[in-house]
Amino acid sequence: LLTVAGELDKLAYNISAGRNCAGIHYRADAEGGINLGEEVGIRYLQDKARLYAEPTFTGFVLTKRNGQRVRITQDTVVVL
């Protein structure tokens, strides 16, 4: 099944694995960078949620790399 999330995950992995093969980073560096990127993305979505004034907006829902489903609102990240 082809999804945007799946393609972004593959892209992040391929970039980090390529840097490992080139000798620029170690595997732990790549995993840490991917996790950091996920957290930065979540904080970005929190900032964007602050711009929505619609009363029906309940936040963004996504699946993190570890399989957890989360709802991202302007104030919180809640595990579903």
N, C-alpha and C. Protein backbone atom coordinates (compact mmCIF):
# COMPACT_ATOMS: atom_id res chain seq x y z
N LEU A 1 0.85 -1.18 0.00
CA LEU A 1 0.00 0.00 0.00
C LEU A 1 0.90 1.24 0.00
N LEU A 2 0.70 2.10 -0.96
CA LEU A 2 1.49 3.31 -1.09
C LEU A 2 0.82 4.46 -0.36
N THR A 3 1.51 5.03 0.63
CA THR A 3 0.98 6.17 1.37
C THR A 3 2.02 7.27 1.44
N VAL A 4 1.59 8.49 1.69
CA VAL A 4 2.53 9.61 1.84
C VAL A 4 3.44 9.36 3.04
N ALA A 5 2.85 8.91 4.15
CA ALA A 5 3.65 8.65 5.36
C ALA A 5 4.70 7.58 5.09
N GLY A 6 4.32 6.52 4.39
CA GLY A 6 5.27 5.46 4.07
C GLY A 6 6.40 5.95 3.20
N GLU A 7 6.08 6.78 2.22
CA GLU A 7 7.11 7.32 1.33
C GLU A 7 8.04 8.27 2.07
N LEU A 8 7.50 9.09 2.97
CA LEU A 8 8.35 9.99 3.75
C LEU A 8 9.27 9.21 4.69
N ASP A 9 8.74 8.13 5.25
CA ASP A 9 9.55 7.28 6.13
C ASP A 9 10.70 6.65 5.34
N LYS A 10 10.40 6.15 4.14
CA LYS A 10 11.46 5.56 3.31
C LYS A 10 12.49 6.61 2.92
N LEU A 11 12.04 7.82 2.60
CA LEU A 11 12.97 8.88 2.23
C LEU A 11 13.91 9.21 3.38
N ALA A 12 13.35 9.36 4.58
CA ALA A 12 14.19 9.66 5.75
C ALA A 12 15.20 8.56 6.00
N TYR A 13 14.76 7.32 5.89
CA TYR A 13 15.67 6.20 6.10
C TYR A 13 16.76 6.16 5.04
N ASN A 14 16.39 6.34 3.78
CA ASN A 14 17.38 6.27 2.69
C ASN A 14 18.43 7.37 2.81
N ILE A 15 18.02 8.55 3.21
CA ILE A 15 18.98 9.64 3.39
C ILE A 15 19.95 9.30 4.51
N SER A 16 19.40 8.83 5.64
CA SER A 16 20.28 8.53 6.78
C SER A 16 21.17 7.32 6.49
N ALA A 17 20.64 6.30 5.82
CA ALA A 17 21.44 5.11 5.50
C ALA A 17 22.55 5.47 4.52
N GLY A 18 22.27 6.35 3.59
CA GLY A 18 23.28 6.78 2.63
C GLY A 18 24.44 7.50 3.32
N ARG A 19 24.12 8.30 4.31
CA ARG A 19 25.16 8.99 5.06
C ARG A 19 25.98 8.00 5.88
N ASN A 20 25.33 6.95 6.36
CA ASN A 20 26.06 5.91 7.09
C ASN A 20 27.05 5.21 6.16
N CYS A 21 26.58 4.83 4.97
CA CYS A 21 27.44 4.14 4.01
C CYS A 21 28.61 5.00 3.56
N ALA A 22 28.39 6.30 3.51
CA ALA A 22 29.44 7.22 3.11
C ALA A 22 30.46 7.46 4.22
N GLY A 23 30.17 6.94 5.42
CA GLY A 23 31.10 7.10 6.54
C GLY A 23 30.97 8.43 7.25
N ILE A 24 29.88 9.15 6.98
CA ILE A 24 29.69 10.47 7.61
C ILE A 24 29.12 10.32 9.01
N HIS A 25 28.24 9.33 9.20
CA HIS A 25 27.59 9.12 10.48
C HIS A 25 27.58 7.63 10.83
N TYR A 26 27.26 7.38 12.09
CA TYR A 26 27.02 6.02 12.56
C TYR A 26 25.52 5.77 12.56
N ARG A 27 25.13 4.50 12.67
CA ARG A 27 23.72 4.14 12.65
C ARG A 27 22.94 4.85 13.76
N ALA A 28 23.51 4.91 14.95
CA ALA A 28 22.83 5.58 16.07
C ALA A 28 22.58 7.05 15.76
N ASP A 29 23.50 7.70 15.04
CA ASP A 29 23.31 9.09 14.65
C ASP A 29 22.11 9.22 13.72
N ALA A 30 21.99 8.29 12.78
CA ALA A 30 20.90 8.33 11.82
C ALA A 30 19.56 8.12 12.53
N GLU A 31 19.49 7.15 13.42
CA GLU A 31 18.24 6.91 14.15
C GLU A 31 17.86 8.11 15.01
N GLY A 32 18.85 8.69 15.66
CA GLY A 32 18.59 9.88 16.46
C GLY A 32 18.10 11.05 15.62
N GLY A 33 18.69 11.20 14.44
CA GLY A 33 18.27 12.28 13.55
C GLY A 33 16.85 12.10 13.04
N ILE A 34 16.48 10.86 12.73
CA ILE A 34 15.11 10.59 12.28
C ILE A 34 14.12 10.88 13.41
N ASN A 35 14.46 10.45 14.62
CA ASN A 35 13.58 10.73 15.77
C ASN A 35 13.47 12.21 16.05
N LEU A 36 14.58 12.92 15.95
CA LEU A 36 14.56 14.37 16.15
C LEU A 36 13.70 15.04 15.08
N GLY A 37 13.83 14.58 13.83
CA GLY A 37 13.01 15.14 12.75
C GLY A 37 11.53 14.93 12.99
N GLU A 38 11.16 13.78 13.54
CA GLU A 38 9.76 13.53 13.85
C GLU A 38 9.26 14.51 14.92
N GLU A 39 10.07 14.73 15.95
CA GLU A 39 9.68 15.68 16.99
C GLU A 39 9.57 17.11 16.46
N VAL A 40 10.48 17.50 15.59
CA VAL A 40 10.41 18.83 14.98
C VAL A 40 9.12 18.95 14.16
N GLY A 41 8.78 17.90 13.42
CA GLY A 41 7.54 17.91 12.64
C GLY A 41 6.32 18.04 13.53
N ILE A 42 6.30 17.36 14.66
CA ILE A 42 5.18 17.46 15.59
C ILE A 42 5.06 18.87 16.14
N ARG A 43 6.16 19.48 16.51
CA ARG A 43 6.14 20.86 17.03
C ARG A 43 5.69 21.84 15.94
N TYR A 44 6.07 21.57 14.70
CA TYR A 44 5.63 22.40 13.58
C TYR A 44 4.10 22.33 13.45
N LEU A 45 3.56 21.12 13.54
CA LEU A 45 2.11 20.96 13.45
C LEU A 45 1.40 21.64 14.63
N GLN A 46 2.02 21.63 15.80
CA GLN A 46 1.44 22.36 16.94
C GLN A 46 1.37 23.85 16.64
N ASP A 47 2.43 24.40 16.05
CA ASP A 47 2.42 25.81 15.68
C ASP A 47 1.32 26.10 14.66
N LYS A 48 1.16 25.21 13.68
CA LYS A 48 0.12 25.39 12.66
C LYS A 48 -1.27 25.28 13.27
N ALA A 49 -1.44 24.41 14.26
CA ALA A 49 -2.75 24.25 14.91
C ALA A 49 -3.19 25.54 15.58
N ARG A 50 -2.25 26.35 16.02
CA ARG A 50 -2.60 27.62 16.66
C ARG A 50 -3.24 28.60 15.68
N LEU A 51 -3.06 28.37 14.39
CA LEU A 51 -3.61 29.28 13.38
C LEU A 51 -5.05 28.95 13.00
N TYR A 52 -5.53 27.78 13.38
CA TYR A 52 -6.89 27.36 13.02
C TYR A 52 -7.88 27.89 14.04
N ALA A 53 -8.84 28.68 13.57
CA ALA A 53 -9.85 29.26 14.45
C ALA A 53 -11.17 28.50 14.36
N GLU A 54 -11.26 27.51 13.47
CA GLU A 54 -12.51 26.78 13.30
C GLU A 54 -12.84 26.00 14.57
N PRO A 55 -14.08 26.11 15.05
CA PRO A 55 -14.45 25.39 16.28
C PRO A 55 -14.48 23.87 16.11
N THR A 56 -14.59 23.40 14.88
CA THR A 56 -14.65 21.95 14.65
C THR A 56 -13.27 21.32 14.51
N PHE A 57 -12.21 22.11 14.50
CA PHE A 57 -10.85 21.57 14.35
C PHE A 57 -10.42 20.92 15.66
N THR A 58 -10.19 19.62 15.62
CA THR A 58 -9.82 18.89 16.83
C THR A 58 -8.34 18.52 16.87
N GLY A 59 -7.59 18.97 15.88
CA GLY A 59 -6.16 18.70 15.85
C GLY A 59 -5.79 17.75 14.72
N PHE A 60 -4.49 17.57 14.55
CA PHE A 60 -3.96 16.66 13.54
C PHE A 60 -3.79 15.28 14.18
N VAL A 61 -4.11 14.23 13.44
CA VAL A 61 -3.91 12.87 13.92
C VAL A 61 -2.92 12.19 12.99
N LEU A 62 -1.91 11.57 13.57
CA LEU A 62 -0.93 10.85 12.77
C LEU A 62 -0.37 9.67 13.53
N THR A 63 0.28 8.80 12.80
CA THR A 63 0.95 7.64 13.39
C THR A 63 2.45 7.91 13.41
N LYS A 64 3.03 7.85 14.60
CA LYS A 64 4.46 8.07 14.73
C LYS A 64 5.21 6.83 14.23
N ARG A 65 6.50 6.94 14.08
CA ARG A 65 7.31 5.84 13.57
C ARG A 65 7.26 4.62 14.48
N ASN A 66 7.01 4.82 15.77
CA ASN A 66 6.95 3.70 16.70
C ASN A 66 5.57 3.03 16.71
N GLY A 67 4.67 3.50 15.85
CA GLY A 67 3.34 2.91 15.74
C GLY A 67 2.27 3.57 16.59
N GLN A 68 2.65 4.51 17.45
CA GLN A 68 1.67 5.21 18.28
C GLN A 68 0.87 6.19 17.44
N ARG A 69 -0.46 6.18 17.62
CA ARG A 69 -1.31 7.19 17.00
C ARG A 69 -1.41 8.34 17.98
N VAL A 70 -1.22 9.55 17.50
CA VAL A 70 -1.28 10.73 18.36
C VAL A 70 -2.17 11.80 17.75
N ARG A 71 -2.76 12.60 18.62
CA ARG A 71 -3.51 13.78 18.19
C ARG A 71 -2.71 14.99 18.63
N ILE A 72 -2.44 15.87 17.69
CA ILE A 72 -1.62 17.05 17.94
C ILE A 72 -2.53 18.28 17.93
N THR A 73 -2.62 18.94 19.07
CA THR A 73 -3.38 20.20 19.16
C THR A 73 -2.41 21.32 19.47
N GLN A 74 -2.94 22.51 19.60
CA GLN A 74 -2.04 23.65 19.85
C GLN A 74 -1.33 23.56 21.19
N ASP A 75 -1.90 22.80 22.12
CA ASP A 75 -1.31 22.72 23.46
C ASP A 75 -0.74 21.38 23.84
N THR A 76 -1.21 20.30 23.21
CA THR A 76 -0.81 18.98 23.67
C THR A 76 -0.57 18.01 22.51
N VAL A 77 0.12 16.93 22.85
CA VAL A 77 0.24 15.76 21.97
C VAL A 77 -0.28 14.60 22.81
N VAL A 78 -1.43 14.05 22.40
CA VAL A 78 -2.09 13.01 23.17
C VAL A 78 -2.00 11.69 22.41
N VAL A 79 -1.57 10.64 23.11
CA VAL A 79 -1.54 9.30 22.53
C VAL A 79 -2.97 8.77 22.50
N LEU A 80 -3.39 8.28 21.34
CA LEU A 80 -4.76 7.77 21.18
C LEU A 80 -4.84 6.29 21.50
